[in-house]
PDB file of N, CA and C in Angstrom:
ATOM      1  N   MET A   1      -2.109  17.878   4.286  1.00  0.00           N
ATOM      2  CA  MET A   1      -2.717  16.742   3.623  1.00  0.00           C
ATOM      3  C   MET A   1      -1.819  15.507   3.770  1.00  0.00           C
ATOM      4  N   ALA A   2      -2.426  14.345   3.742  1.00  0.00           N
ATOM      5  CA  ALA A   2      -1.705  13.092   3.958  1.00  0.00           C
ATOM      6  C   ALA A   2      -1.385  12.397   2.635  1.00  0.00           C
ATOM      7  N   ILE A   3      -0.431  11.488   2.735  1.00  0.00           N
ATOM      8  CA  ILE A   3      -0.051  10.639   1.603  1.00  0.00           C
ATOM      9  C   ILE A   3      -0.398   9.198   1.975  1.00  0.00           C
ATOM     10  N   TYR A   4      -1.135   8.529   1.096  1.00  0.00           N
ATOM     11  CA  TYR A   4      -1.531   7.137   1.307  1.00  0.00           C
ATOM     12  C   TYR A   4      -0.854   6.268   0.256  1.00  0.00           C
ATOM     13  N   ALA A   5      -0.108   5.262   0.698  1.00  0.00           N
ATOM     14  CA  ALA A   5       0.466   4.261  -0.205  1.00  0.00           C
ATOM     15  C   ALA A   5      -0.449   3.038  -0.111  1.00  0.00           C
ATOM     16  N   ILE A   6      -1.033   2.653  -1.241  1.00  0.00           N
ATOM     17  CA  ILE A   6      -2.054   1.605  -1.234  1.00  0.00           C
ATOM     18  C   ILE A   6      -1.634   0.457  -2.150  1.00  0.00           C
ATOM     19  N   ASP A   7      -1.635  -0.746  -1.602  1.00  0.00           N
ATOM     20  CA  ASP A   7      -1.302  -1.946  -2.358  1.00  0.00           C
ATOM     21  C   ASP A   7      -2.427  -2.272  -3.345  1.00  0.00           C
ATOM     22  N   PHE A   8      -2.104  -3.092  -4.329  1.00  0.00           N
ATOM     23  CA  PHE A   8      -3.092  -3.482  -5.330  1.00  0.00           C
ATOM     24  C   PHE A   8      -3.697  -4.850  -5.032  1.00  0.00           C
ATOM     25  N   ASP A   9      -2.868  -5.900  -5.096  1.00  0.00           N
ATOM     26  CA  ASP A   9      -3.369  -7.274  -4.985  1.00  0.00           C
ATOM     27  C   ASP A   9      -3.977  -7.545  -3.615  1.00  0.00           C
ATOM     28  N   ASN A  10      -5.238  -7.926  -3.633  1.00  0.00           N
ATOM     29  CA  ASN A  10      -6.026  -8.252  -2.440  1.00  0.00           C
ATOM     30  C   ASN A  10      -6.156  -7.076  -1.473  1.00  0.00           C
ATOM     31  N   THR A  11      -5.970  -5.877  -2.013  1.00  0.00           N
ATOM     32  CA  THR A  11      -6.232  -4.656  -1.263  1.00  0.00           C
ATOM     33  C   THR A  11      -7.214  -3.815  -2.076  1.00  0.00           C
ATOM     34  N   LEU A  12      -6.769  -3.236  -3.187  1.00  0.00           N
ATOM     35  CA  LEU A  12      -7.703  -2.526  -4.074  1.00  0.00           C
ATOM     36  C   LEU A  12      -8.527  -3.507  -4.901  1.00  0.00           C
ATOM     37  N   ALA A  13      -7.901  -4.618  -5.276  1.00  0.00           N
ATOM     38  CA  ALA A  13      -8.575  -5.615  -6.116  1.00  0.00           C
ATOM     39  C   ALA A  13      -8.448  -6.994  -5.496  1.00  0.00           C
ATOM     40  N   ILE A  14      -9.467  -7.784  -5.699  1.00  0.00           N
ATOM     41  CA  ILE A  14      -9.401  -9.194  -5.343  1.00  0.00           C
ATOM     42  C   ILE A  14      -8.733  -9.874  -6.527  1.00  0.00           C
ATOM     43  N   THR A  15      -7.639 -10.575  -6.261  1.00  0.00           N
ATOM     44  CA  THR A  15      -6.852 -11.142  -7.358  1.00  0.00           C
ATOM     45  C   THR A  15      -6.437 -12.573  -7.068  1.00  0.00           C
ATOM     46  N   ARG A  16      -6.075 -13.246  -8.127  1.00  0.00           N
ATOM     47  CA  ARG A  16      -5.336 -14.515  -8.119  1.00  0.00           C
ATOM     48  C   ARG A  16      -4.204 -14.255  -9.085  1.00  0.00           C
ATOM     49  N   PHE A  17      -3.120 -13.674  -8.570  1.00  0.00           N
ATOM     50  CA  PHE A  17      -2.062 -13.130  -9.414  1.00  0.00           C
ATOM     51  C   PHE A  17      -1.746 -14.051 -10.578  1.00  0.00           C
ATOM     52  N   PRO A  18      -1.682 -13.506 -11.788  1.00  0.00           N
ATOM     53  CA  PRO A  18      -1.835 -12.108 -12.165  1.00  0.00           C
ATOM     54  C   PRO A  18      -3.277 -11.701 -12.503  1.00  0.00           C
ATOM     55  N   GLU A  19      -4.206 -12.633 -12.336  1.00  0.00           N
ATOM     56  CA  GLU A  19      -5.603 -12.361 -12.701  1.00  0.00           C
ATOM     57  C   GLU A  19      -6.258 -11.373 -11.731  1.00  0.00           C
ATOM     58  N   ILE A  20      -6.929 -10.388 -12.279  1.00  0.00           N
ATOM     59  CA  ILE A  20      -7.694  -9.419 -11.497  1.00  0.00           C
ATOM     60  C   ILE A  20      -9.146  -9.878 -11.542  1.00  0.00           C
ATOM     61  N   ILE A  21      -9.689 -10.243 -10.398  1.00  0.00           N
ATOM     62  CA  ILE A  21     -11.016 -10.849 -10.346  1.00  0.00           C
ATOM     63  C   ILE A  21     -12.123  -9.810 -10.162  1.00  0.00           C
ATOM     64  N   ALA A  22     -11.974  -8.941  -9.162  1.00  0.00           N
ATOM     65  CA  ALA A  22     -13.041  -7.980  -8.857  1.00  0.00           C
ATOM     66  C   ALA A  22     -12.480  -6.845  -8.012  1.00  0.00           C
ATOM     67  N   PRO A  23     -13.168  -5.720  -7.998  1.00  0.00           N
ATOM     68  CA  PRO A  23     -12.724  -4.635  -7.114  1.00  0.00           C
ATOM     69  C   PRO A  23     -13.073  -4.931  -5.660  1.00  0.00           C
ATOM     70  N   ASN A  24     -12.223  -4.475  -4.767  1.00  0.00           N
ATOM     71  CA  ASN A  24     -12.585  -4.413  -3.354  1.00  0.00           C
ATOM     72  C   ASN A  24     -13.286  -3.065  -3.229  1.00  0.00           C
ATOM     73  N   LYS A  25     -14.586  -3.069  -3.339  1.00  0.00           N
ATOM     74  CA  LYS A  25     -15.367  -1.834  -3.474  1.00  0.00           C
ATOM     75  C   LYS A  25     -15.129  -0.836  -2.347  1.00  0.00           C
ATOM     76  N   LYS A  26     -14.991  -1.317  -1.128  1.00  0.00           N
ATOM     77  CA  LYS A  26     -14.766  -0.401  -0.006  1.00  0.00           C
ATOM     78  C   LYS A  26     -13.407   0.281  -0.111  1.00  0.00           C
ATOM     79  N   MET A  27     -12.379  -0.463  -0.519  1.00  0.00           N
ATOM     80  CA  MET A  27     -11.048   0.135  -0.648  1.00  0.00           C
ATOM     81  C   MET A  27     -10.991   1.103  -1.820  1.00  0.00           C
ATOM     82  N   VAL A  28     -11.623   0.758  -2.922  1.00  0.00           N
ATOM     83  CA  VAL A  28     -11.656   1.665  -4.074  1.00  0.00           C
ATOM     84  C   VAL A  28     -12.382   2.949  -3.667  1.00  0.00           C
ATOM     85  N   ALA A  29     -13.502   2.817  -2.971  1.00  0.00           N
ATOM     86  CA  ALA A  29     -14.248   3.991  -2.514  1.00  0.00           C
ATOM     87  C   ALA A  29     -13.412   4.823  -1.546  1.00  0.00           C
ATOM     88  N   PHE A  30     -12.683   4.168  -0.665  1.00  0.00           N
ATOM     89  CA  PHE A  30     -11.820   4.869   0.279  1.00  0.00           C
ATOM     90  C   PHE A  30     -10.750   5.665  -0.468  1.00  0.00           C
ATOM     91  N   ALA A  31     -10.074   5.033  -1.426  1.00  0.00           N
ATOM     92  CA  ALA A  31      -9.020   5.704  -2.188  1.00  0.00           C
ATOM     93  C   ALA A  31      -9.578   6.916  -2.937  1.00  0.00           C
ATOM     94  N   LYS A  32     -10.739   6.748  -3.534  1.00  0.00           N
ATOM     95  CA  LYS A  32     -11.373   7.878  -4.239  1.00  0.00           C
ATOM     96  C   LYS A  32     -11.723   8.997  -3.266  1.00  0.00           C
ATOM     97  N   ALA A  33     -12.222   8.640  -2.100  1.00  0.00           N
ATOM     98  CA  ALA A  33     -12.646   9.641  -1.120  1.00  0.00           C
ATOM     99  C   ALA A  33     -11.462  10.452  -0.605  1.00  0.00           C
ATOM    100  N   VAL A  34     -10.370   9.786  -0.251  1.00  0.00           N
ATOM    101  CA  VAL A  34      -9.228  10.547   0.270  1.00  0.00           C
ATOM    102  C   VAL A  34      -8.606  11.405  -0.829  1.00  0.00           C
ATOM    103  N   LYS A  35      -8.601  10.898  -2.050  1.00  0.00           N
ATOM    104  CA  LYS A  35      -8.089  11.684  -3.187  1.00  0.00           C
ATOM    105  C   LYS A  35      -8.977  12.917  -3.394  1.00  0.00           C
ATOM    106  N   ALA A  36     -10.282  12.741  -3.327  1.00  0.00           N
ATOM    107  CA  ALA A  36     -11.219  13.854  -3.507  1.00  0.00           C
ATOM    108  C   ALA A  36     -11.076  14.907  -2.405  1.00  0.00           C
ATOM    109  N   GLN A  37     -10.624  14.489  -1.241  1.00  0.00           N
ATOM    110  CA  GLN A  37     -10.412  15.415  -0.129  1.00  0.00           C
ATOM    111  C   GLN A  37      -9.076  16.157  -0.248  1.00  0.00           C
ATOM    112  N   GLY A  38      -8.300  15.847  -1.290  1.00  0.00           N
ATOM    113  CA  GLY A  38      -7.039  16.540  -1.504  1.00  0.00           C
ATOM    114  C   GLY A  38      -5.804  15.799  -1.046  1.00  0.00           C
ATOM    115  N   HIS A  39      -5.981  14.603  -0.515  1.00  0.00           N
ATOM    116  CA  HIS A  39      -4.829  13.797  -0.117  1.00  0.00           C
ATOM    117  C   HIS A  39      -4.183  13.201  -1.373  1.00  0.00           C
ATOM    118  N   GLN A  40      -2.960  12.738  -1.231  1.00  0.00           N
ATOM    119  CA  GLN A  40      -2.276  12.115  -2.366  1.00  0.00           C
ATOM    120  C   GLN A  40      -2.258  10.609  -2.176  1.00  0.00           C
ATOM    121  N   ILE A  41      -2.363   9.884  -3.304  1.00  0.00           N
ATOM    122  CA  ILE A  41      -2.335   8.426  -3.235  1.00  0.00           C
ATOM    123  C   ILE A  41      -1.255   7.885  -4.159  1.00  0.00           C
ATOM    124  N   ILE A  42      -0.572   6.875  -3.659  1.00  0.00           N
ATOM    125  CA  ILE A  42       0.485   6.194  -4.406  1.00  0.00           C
ATOM    126  C   ILE A  42       0.075   4.737  -4.545  1.00  0.00           C
ATOM    127  N   LEU A  43       0.138   4.215  -5.762  1.00  0.00           N
ATOM    128  CA  LEU A  43      -0.052   2.778  -5.945  1.00  0.00           C
ATOM    129  C   LEU A  43       1.253   2.116  -5.536  1.00  0.00           C
ATOM    130  N   TRP A  44       1.175   1.238  -4.554  1.00  0.00           N
ATOM    131  CA  TRP A  44       2.344   0.629  -3.924  1.00  0.00           C
ATOM    132  C   TRP A  44       2.189  -0.889  -4.078  1.00  0.00           C
ATOM    133  N   THR A  45       2.818  -1.447  -5.111  1.00  0.00           N
ATOM    134  CA  THR A  45       2.610  -2.845  -5.456  1.00  0.00           C
ATOM    135  C   THR A  45       3.904  -3.483  -5.925  1.00  0.00           C
ATOM    136  N   SER A  46       3.974  -4.793  -5.822  1.00  0.00           N
ATOM    137  CA  SER A  46       5.147  -5.505  -6.338  1.00  0.00           C
ATOM    138  C   SER A  46       4.991  -5.842  -7.814  1.00  0.00           C
ATOM    139  N   ARG A  47       3.859  -5.512  -8.389  1.00  0.00           N
ATOM    140  CA  ARG A  47       3.665  -5.765  -9.820  1.00  0.00           C
ATOM    141  C   ARG A  47       4.652  -4.945 -10.643  1.00  0.00           C
ATOM    142  N   ALA A  48       5.057  -5.516 -11.770  1.00  0.00           N
ATOM    143  CA  ALA A  48       5.986  -4.835 -12.681  1.00  0.00           C
ATOM    144  C   ALA A  48       5.599  -5.171 -14.115  1.00  0.00           C
ATOM    145  N   GLY A  49       6.156  -4.430 -15.056  1.00  0.00           N
ATOM    146  CA  GLY A  49       5.939  -4.708 -16.473  1.00  0.00           C
ATOM    147  C   GLY A  49       4.473  -4.677 -16.861  1.00  0.00           C
ATOM    148  N   ALA A  50       4.085  -5.654 -17.679  1.00  0.00           N
ATOM    149  CA  ALA A  50       2.703  -5.719 -18.172  1.00  0.00           C
ATOM    150  C   ALA A  50       1.703  -5.895 -17.031  1.00  0.00           C
ATOM    151  N   ASP A  51       2.086  -6.642 -15.985  1.00  0.00           N
ATOM    152  CA  ASP A  51       1.167  -6.825 -14.849  1.00  0.00           C
ATOM    153  C   ASP A  51       0.895  -5.497 -14.143  1.00  0.00           C
ATOM    154  N   LEU A  52       1.919  -4.650 -14.046  1.00  0.00           N
ATOM    155  CA  LEU A  52       1.736  -3.333 -13.451  1.00  0.00           C
ATOM    156  C   LEU A  52       0.881  -2.458 -14.361  1.00  0.00           C
ATOM    157  N   GLU A  53       1.160  -2.474 -15.647  1.00  0.00           N
ATOM    158  CA  GLU A  53       0.360  -1.695 -16.602  1.00  0.00           C
ATOM    159  C   GLU A  53      -1.105  -2.092 -16.531  1.00  0.00           C
ATOM    160  N   ASN A  54      -1.375  -3.395 -16.438  1.00  0.00           N
ATOM    161  CA  ASN A  54      -2.756  -3.875 -16.329  1.00  0.00           C
ATOM    162  C   ASN A  54      -3.420  -3.371 -15.049  1.00  0.00           C
ATOM    163  N   ALA A  55      -2.673  -3.369 -13.945  1.00  0.00           N
ATOM    164  CA  ALA A  55      -3.222  -2.896 -12.672  1.00  0.00           C
ATOM    165  C   ALA A  55      -3.523  -1.403 -12.732  1.00  0.00           C
ATOM    166  N   VAL A  56      -2.618  -0.620 -13.296  1.00  0.00           N
ATOM    167  CA  VAL A  56      -2.828   0.825 -13.399  1.00  0.00           C
ATOM    168  C   VAL A  56      -4.043   1.121 -14.274  1.00  0.00           C
ATOM    169  N   GLU A  57      -4.154   0.414 -15.401  1.00  0.00           N
ATOM    170  CA  GLU A  57      -5.301   0.615 -16.297  1.00  0.00           C
ATOM    171  C   GLU A  57      -6.598   0.184 -15.611  1.00  0.00           C
ATOM    172  N   TRP A  58      -6.566  -0.939 -14.909  1.00  0.00           N
ATOM    173  CA  TRP A  58      -7.737  -1.405 -14.177  1.00  0.00           C
ATOM    174  C   TRP A  58      -8.176  -0.340 -13.158  1.00  0.00           C
ATOM    175  N   CYS A  59      -7.212   0.231 -12.448  1.00  0.00           N
ATOM    176  CA  CYS A  59      -7.529   1.284 -11.477  1.00  0.00           C
ATOM    177  C   CYS A  59      -8.133   2.498 -12.173  1.00  0.00           C
ATOM    178  N   ARG A  60      -7.564   2.878 -13.314  1.00  0.00           N
ATOM    179  CA  ARG A  60      -8.096   4.021 -14.067  1.00  0.00           C
ATOM    180  C   ARG A  60      -9.558   3.781 -14.434  1.00  0.00           C
ATOM    181  N   LEU A  61      -9.877   2.556 -14.840  1.00  0.00           N
ATOM    182  CA  LEU A  61     -11.260   2.218 -15.191  1.00  0.00           C
ATOM    183  C   LEU A  61     -12.185   2.249 -13.968  1.00  0.00           C
ATOM    184  N   GLN A  62     -11.602   2.112 -12.770  1.00  0.00           N
ATOM    185  CA  GLN A  62     -12.374   2.217 -11.523  1.00  0.00           C
ATOM    186  C   GLN A  62     -12.493   3.670 -11.074  1.00  0.00           C
ATOM    187  N   GLY A  63     -11.834   4.582 -11.806  1.00  0.00           N
ATOM    188  CA  GLY A  63     -11.871   5.991 -11.448  1.00  0.00           C
ATOM    189  C   GLY A  63     -10.731   6.429 -10.547  1.00  0.00           C
ATOM    190  N   LEU A  64      -9.696   5.589 -10.433  1.00  0.00           N
ATOM    191  CA  LEU A  64      -8.548   5.911  -9.588  1.00  0.00           C
ATOM    192  C   LEU A  64      -7.361   6.348 -10.435  1.00  0.00           C
ATOM    193  N   VAL A  65      -6.881   7.549 -10.175  1.00  0.00           N
ATOM    194  CA  VAL A  65      -5.676   8.053 -10.826  1.00  0.00           C
ATOM    195  C   VAL A  65      -4.702   8.394  -9.706  1.00  0.00           C
ATOM    196  N   PHE A  66      -3.503   7.839  -9.774  1.00  0.00           N
ATOM    197  CA  PHE A  66      -2.533   7.972  -8.697  1.00  0.00           C
ATOM    198  C   PHE A  66      -1.596   9.147  -8.915  1.00  0.00           C
ATOM    199  N   ASP A  67      -1.086   9.663  -7.809  1.00  0.00           N
ATOM    200  CA  ASP A  67      -0.090  10.729  -7.858  1.00  0.00           C
ATOM    201  C   ASP A  67       1.292  10.167  -8.177  1.00  0.00           C
ATOM    202  N   ALA A  68       1.487   8.884  -7.896  1.00  0.00           N
ATOM    203  CA  ALA A  68       2.733   8.179  -8.226  1.00  0.00           C
ATOM    204  C   ALA A  68       2.429   6.689  -8.234  1.00  0.00           C
ATOM    205  N   VAL A  69       3.278   5.956  -8.925  1.00  0.00           N
ATOM    206  CA  VAL A  69       3.138   4.498  -8.988  1.00  0.00           C
ATOM    207  C   VAL A  69       4.499   3.881  -8.680  1.00  0.00           C
ATOM    208  N   ASN A  70       4.570   3.160  -7.572  1.00  0.00           N
ATOM    209  CA  ASN A  70       5.788   2.450  -7.170  1.00  0.00           C
ATOM    210  C   ASN A  70       7.015   3.342  -7.050  1.00  0.00           C
ATOM    211  N   GLU A  71       6.808   4.592  -6.704  1.00  0.00           N
ATOM    212  CA  GLU A  71       7.934   5.490  -6.460  1.00  0.00           C
ATOM    213  C   GLU A  71       7.445   6.636  -5.583  1.00  0.00           C
ATOM    214  N   PRO A  72       8.370   7.354  -4.970  1.00  0.00           N
ATOM    215  CA  PRO A  72       7.954   8.501  -4.176  1.00  0.00           C
ATOM    216  C   PRO A  72       7.265   9.541  -5.062  1.00  0.00           C
ATOM    217  N   LEU A  73       6.556  10.450  -4.436  1.00  0.00           N
ATOM    218  CA  LEU A  73       5.922  11.534  -5.175  1.00  0.00           C
ATOM    219  C   LEU A  73       6.989  12.373  -5.883  1.00  0.00           C
ATOM    220  N   PRO A  74       6.655  12.947  -7.043  1.00  0.00           N
ATOM    221  CA  PRO A  74       7.652  13.745  -7.774  1.00  0.00           C
ATOM    222  C   PRO A  74       8.298  14.842  -6.928  1.00  0.00           C
ATOM    223  N   GLU A  75       7.510  15.501  -6.067  1.00  0.00           N
ATOM    224  CA  GLU A  75       8.087  16.562  -5.248  1.00  0.00           C
ATOM    225  C   GLU A  75       9.073  16.027  -4.217  1.00  0.00           C
ATOM    226  N   GLN A  76       8.887  14.767  -3.784  1.00  0.00           N
ATOM    227  CA  GLN A  76       9.845  14.166  -2.863  1.00  0.00           C
ATOM    228  C   GLN A  76      11.146  13.832  -3.589  1.00  0.00           C
ATOM    229  N   ILE A  77      11.040  13.320  -4.802  1.00  0.00           N
ATOM    230  CA  ILE A  77      12.236  13.025  -5.597  1.00  0.00           C
ATOM    231  C   ILE A  77      13.024  14.314  -5.830  1.00  0.00           C
ATOM    232  N   LYS A  78      12.311  15.381  -6.150  1.00  0.00           N
ATOM    233  CA  LYS A  78      12.970  16.685  -6.374  1.00  0.00           C
ATOM    234  C   LYS A  78      13.630  17.174  -5.088  1.00  0.00           C
ATOM    235  N   ARG A  79      12.914  17.062  -3.983  1.00  0.00           N
ATOM    236  CA  ARG A  79      13.440  17.530  -2.689  1.00  0.00           C
ATOM    237  C   ARG A  79      14.708  16.802  -2.296  1.00  0.00           C
ATOM    238  N   TRP A  80      14.734  15.468  -2.479  1.00  0.00           N
ATOM    239  CA  TRP A  80      15.880  14.664  -2.070  1.00  0.00           C
ATOM    240  C   TRP A  80      16.958  14.569  -3.148  1.00  0.00           C
ATOM    241  N   GLY A  81      16.623  15.010  -4.351  1.00  0.00           N
ATOM    242  CA  GLY A  81      17.603  14.983  -5.431  1.00  0.00           C
ATOM    243  C   GLY A  81      17.783  13.620  -6.066  1.00  0.00           C
ATOM    244  N   ASN A  82      16.952  12.666  -5.689  1.00  0.00           N
ATOM    245  CA  ASN A  82      16.993  11.340  -6.308  1.00  0.00           C
ATOM    246  C   ASN A  82      15.753  10.539  -5.912  1.00  0.00           C
ATOM    247  N   ASP A  83      15.614   9.381  -6.539  1.00  0.00           N
ATOM    248  CA  ASP A  83      14.546   8.445  -6.182  1.00  0.00           C
ATOM    249  C   ASP A  83      15.138   7.496  -5.150  1.00  0.00           C
ATOM    250  N   THR A  84      14.730   7.647  -3.910  1.00  0.00           N
ATOM    251  CA  THR A  84      15.292   6.835  -2.828  1.00  0.00           C
ATOM    252  C   THR A  84      14.848   5.380  -2.890  1.00  0.00           C
ATOM    253  N   ARG A  85      13.910   5.068  -3.776  1.00  0.00           N
ATOM    254  CA  ARG A  85      13.310   3.744  -3.941  1.00  0.00           C
ATOM    255  C   ARG A  85      12.405   3.362  -2.765  1.00  0.00           C
ATOM    256  N   LYS A  86      12.525   4.042  -1.640  1.00  0.00           N
ATOM    257  CA  LYS A  86      11.636   3.789  -0.514  1.00  0.00           C
ATOM    258  C   LYS A  86      10.494   4.797  -0.608  1.00  0.00           C
ATOM    259  N   ILE A  87       9.303   4.271  -0.701  1.00  0.00           N
ATOM    260  CA  ILE A  87       8.138   5.139  -0.834  1.00  0.00           C
ATOM    261  C   ILE A  87       7.817   5.743   0.523  1.00  0.00           C
ATOM    262  N   TYR A  88       7.741   7.073   0.545  1.00  0.00           N
ATOM    263  CA  TYR A  88       7.355   7.762   1.763  1.00  0.00           C
ATOM    264  C   TYR A  88       5.847   7.996   1.721  1.00  0.00           C
ATOM    265  N   ALA A  89       5.175   7.653   2.813  1.00  0.00           N
ATOM    266  CA  ALA A  89       3.744   7.930   2.954  1.00  0.00           C
ATOM    267  C   ALA A  89       3.430   8.103   4.428  1.00  0.00           C
ATOM    268  N   ASP A  90       2.306   8.716   4.687  1.00  0.00           N
ATOM    269  CA  ASP A  90       1.833   8.822   6.064  1.00  0.00           C
ATOM    270  C   ASP A  90       1.122   7.541   6.488  1.00  0.00           C
ATOM    271  N   TYR A  91       0.500   6.870   5.504  1.00  0.00           N
ATOM    272  CA  TYR A  91      -0.242   5.641   5.771  1.00  0.00           C
ATOM    273  C   TYR A  91       0.079   4.620   4.688  1.00  0.00           C
ATOM    274  N   TYR A  92       0.293   3.379   5.106  1.00  0.00           N
ATOM    275  CA  TYR A  92       0.555   2.270   4.188  1.00  0.00           C
ATOM    276  C   TYR A  92      -0.578   1.275   4.355  1.00  0.00           C
ATOM    277  N   ILE A  93      -1.290   1.006   3.278  1.00  0.00           N
ATOM    278  CA  ILE A  93      -2.453   0.119   3.337  1.00  0.00           C
ATOM    279  C   ILE A  93      -2.160  -1.107   2.487  1.00  0.00           C
ATOM    280  N   ASP A  94      -2.167  -2.277   3.130  1.00  0.00           N
ATOM    281  CA  ASP A  94      -1.763  -3.517   2.474  1.00  0.00           C
ATOM    282  C   ASP A  94      -2.429  -4.685   3.199  1.00  0.00           C
ATOM    283  N   ASP A  95      -2.806  -5.702   2.457  1.00  0.00           N
ATOM    284  CA  ASP A  95      -3.440  -6.863   3.083  1.00  0.00           C
ATOM    285  C   ASP A  95      -2.474  -7.668   3.945  1.00  0.00           C
ATOM    286  N   LYS A  96      -1.185  -7.443   3.810  1.00  0.00           N
ATOM    287  CA  LYS A  96      -0.175  -8.173   4.595  1.00  0.00           C
ATOM    288  C   LYS A  96       0.434  -7.297   5.684  1.00  0.00           C
ATOM    289  N   ASN A  97      -0.161  -6.157   5.949  1.00  0.00           N
ATOM    290  CA  ASN A  97       0.379  -5.179   6.880  1.00  0.00           C
ATOM    291  C   ASN A  97       0.359  -5.684   8.310  1.00  0.00           C
ATOM    292  N   MET A  98       1.375  -5.310   9.068  1.00  0.00           N
ATOM    293  CA  MET A  98       1.446  -5.615  10.489  1.00  0.00           C
ATOM    294  C   MET A  98       1.737  -4.308  11.208  1.00  0.00           C
ATOM    295  N   THR A  99       0.921  -3.984  12.190  1.00  0.00           N
ATOM    296  CA  THR A  99       1.113  -2.728  12.909  1.00  0.00           C
ATOM    297  C   THR A  99       2.198  -2.872  13.969  1.00  0.00           C
ATOM    298  N   ILE A 100       2.688  -1.738  14.452  1.00  0.00           N
ATOM    299  CA  ILE A 100       3.676  -1.750  15.530  1.00  0.00           C
ATOM    300  C   ILE A 100       3.086  -2.437  16.756  1.00  0.00           C
ATOM    301  N   ALA A 101       1.815  -2.170  17.050  1.00  0.00           N
ATOM    302  CA  ALA A 101       1.165  -2.796  18.204  1.00  0.00           C
ATOM    303  C   ALA A 101       1.152  -4.324  18.069  1.00  0.00           C
ATOM    304  N   GLN A 102       0.925  -4.821  16.854  1.00  0.00           N
ATOM    305  CA  GLN A 102       0.937  -6.267  16.642  1.00  0.00           C
ATOM    306  C   GLN A 102       2.343  -6.839  16.830  1.00  0.00           C
ATOM    307  N   VAL A 103       3.352  -6.128  16.359  1.00  0.00           N
ATOM    308  CA  VAL A 103       4.738  -6.576  16.543  1.00  0.00           C
ATOM    309  C   VAL A 103       5.066  -6.621  18.030  1.00  0.00           C
ATOM    310  N   GLU A 104       4.713  -5.557  18.750  1.00  0.00           N
ATOM    311  CA  GLU A 104       5.005  -5.515  20.184  1.00  0.00           C
ATOM    312  C   GLU A 104       4.282  -6.627  20.927  1.00  0.00           C
ATOM    313  N   SER A 105       3.041  -6.898  20.570  1.00  0.00           N
ATOM    314  CA  SER A 105       2.286  -7.980  21.201  1.00  0.00           C
ATOM    315  C   SER A 105       2.955  -9.331  20.940  1.00  0.00           C
ATOM    316  N   THR A 106       3.375  -9.546  19.705  1.00  0.00           N
ATOM    317  CA  THR A 106       4.058 -10.792  19.356  1.00  0.00           C
ATOM    318  C   THR A 106       5.353 -10.928  20.147  1.00  0.00           C
ATOM    319  N   MET A 107       6.104  -9.833  20.257  1.00  0.00           N
ATOM    320  CA  MET A 107       7.360  -9.872  21.010  1.00  0.00           C
ATOM    321  C   MET A 107       7.107 -10.165  22.488  1.00  0.00           C
ATOM    322  N   ASN A 108       6.036  -9.607  23.046  1.00  0.00           N
ATOM    323  CA  ASN A 108       5.692  -9.892  24.444  1.00  0.00           C
ATOM    324  C   ASN A 108       5.343 -11.368  24.623  1.00  0.00           C
ATOM    325  N   GLN A 109       4.618 -11.931  23.668  1.00  0.00           N
ATOM    326  CA  GLN A 109       4.277 -13.351  23.741  1.00  0.00           C
ATOM    327  C   GLN A 109       5.531 -14.211  23.662  1.00  0.00           C
ATOM    328  N   ILE A 110       6.449 -13.858  22.772  1.00  0.00           N
ATOM    329  CA  ILE A 110       7.710 -14.606  22.649  1.00  0.00           C
ATOM    330  C   ILE A 110       8.495 -14.515  23.952  1.00  0.00           C
ATOM    331  N   LYS A 111       8.553 -13.322  24.536  1.00  0.00           N
ATOM    332  CA  LYS A 111       9.267 -13.133  25.800  1.00  0.00           C
ATOM    333  C   LYS A 111       8.681 -14.026  26.885  1.00  0.00           C
ATOM    334  N   GLU A 112       7.341 -14.068  26.982  1.00  0.00           N
ATOM    335  CA  GLU A 112       6.686 -14.915  27.985  1.00  0.00           C
ATOM    336  C   GLU A 112       7.012 -16.384  27.767  1.00  0.00           C
ATOM    337  N   ILE A 113       6.995 -16.830  26.534  1.00  0.00           N
ATOM    338  CA  ILE A 113       7.309 -18.229  26.224  1.00  0.00           C
ATOM    339  C   ILE A 113       8.757 -18.543  26.597  1.00  0.00           C
ATOM    340  N   MET A 114       9.659 -17.627  26.257  1.00  0.00           N
ATOM    341  CA  MET A 114      11.078 -17.844  26.575  1.00  0.00           C
ATOM    342  C   MET A 114      11.302 -17.873  28.076  1.00  0.00           C
ATOM    343  N   GLU A 115      10.580 -17.055  28.821  1.00  0.00           N
ATOM    344  CA  GLU A 115      10.698 -17.063  30.283  1.00  0.00           C
ATOM    345  C   GLU A 115      10.184 -18.366  30.859  1.00  0.00           C
ATOM    346  N   GLU A 116       9.094 -18.892  30.304  1.00  0.00           N
ATOM    347  CA  GLU A 116       8.555 -20.178  30.766  1.00  0.00           C
ATOM    348  C   GLU A 116       9.525 -21.303  30.474  1.00  0.00           C
ATOM    349  N   ILE A 117      10.147 -21.274  29.322  1.00  0.00           N
ATOM    350  CA  ILE A 117      11.129 -22.317  28.950  1.00  0.00           C
ATOM    351  C   ILE A 117      12.332 -22.270  29.884  1.00  0.00           C
ATOM    352  N   ALA A 118      12.753 -21.045  30.251  1.00  0.00           N
ATOM    353  CA  ALA A 118      13.927 -20.880  31.104  1.00  0.00           C
ATOM    354  C   ALA A 118      13.697 -21.370  32.535  1.00  0.00           C
ATOM    355  N   GLU A 119      12.449 -21.454  32.967  1.00  0.00           N
ATOM    356  CA  GLU A 119      12.138 -21.854  34.356  1.00  0.00           C
ATOM    357  C   GLU A 119      12.364 -23.301  34.581  1.00  0.00           C
TER     358      GLU A 119
END
């Protein structure tokens, strides 16, 4: 089974931080579906304190209950003997995400520009 780390702001919910405006229905449905299939989900957000509590409660009202919130899964903490602070997941879902392919493409474009400048 896979582990999904899912961001909150503008991923699970449409927000104007700290205001929660509406659910991103497709993402909420996706999170519920993978959880129902036996995968684990982690809420992975920069929210803290009351803003984090509000997000967790909002998710609960949407039918989302997480295996962990802003930390590795309990079994990972036990395995490593501490909280590494770096969340381990198989998939990271975030509105600001950049894939390896996008990074490589950007680097290729930079290389081409630098070669043109050098000529």
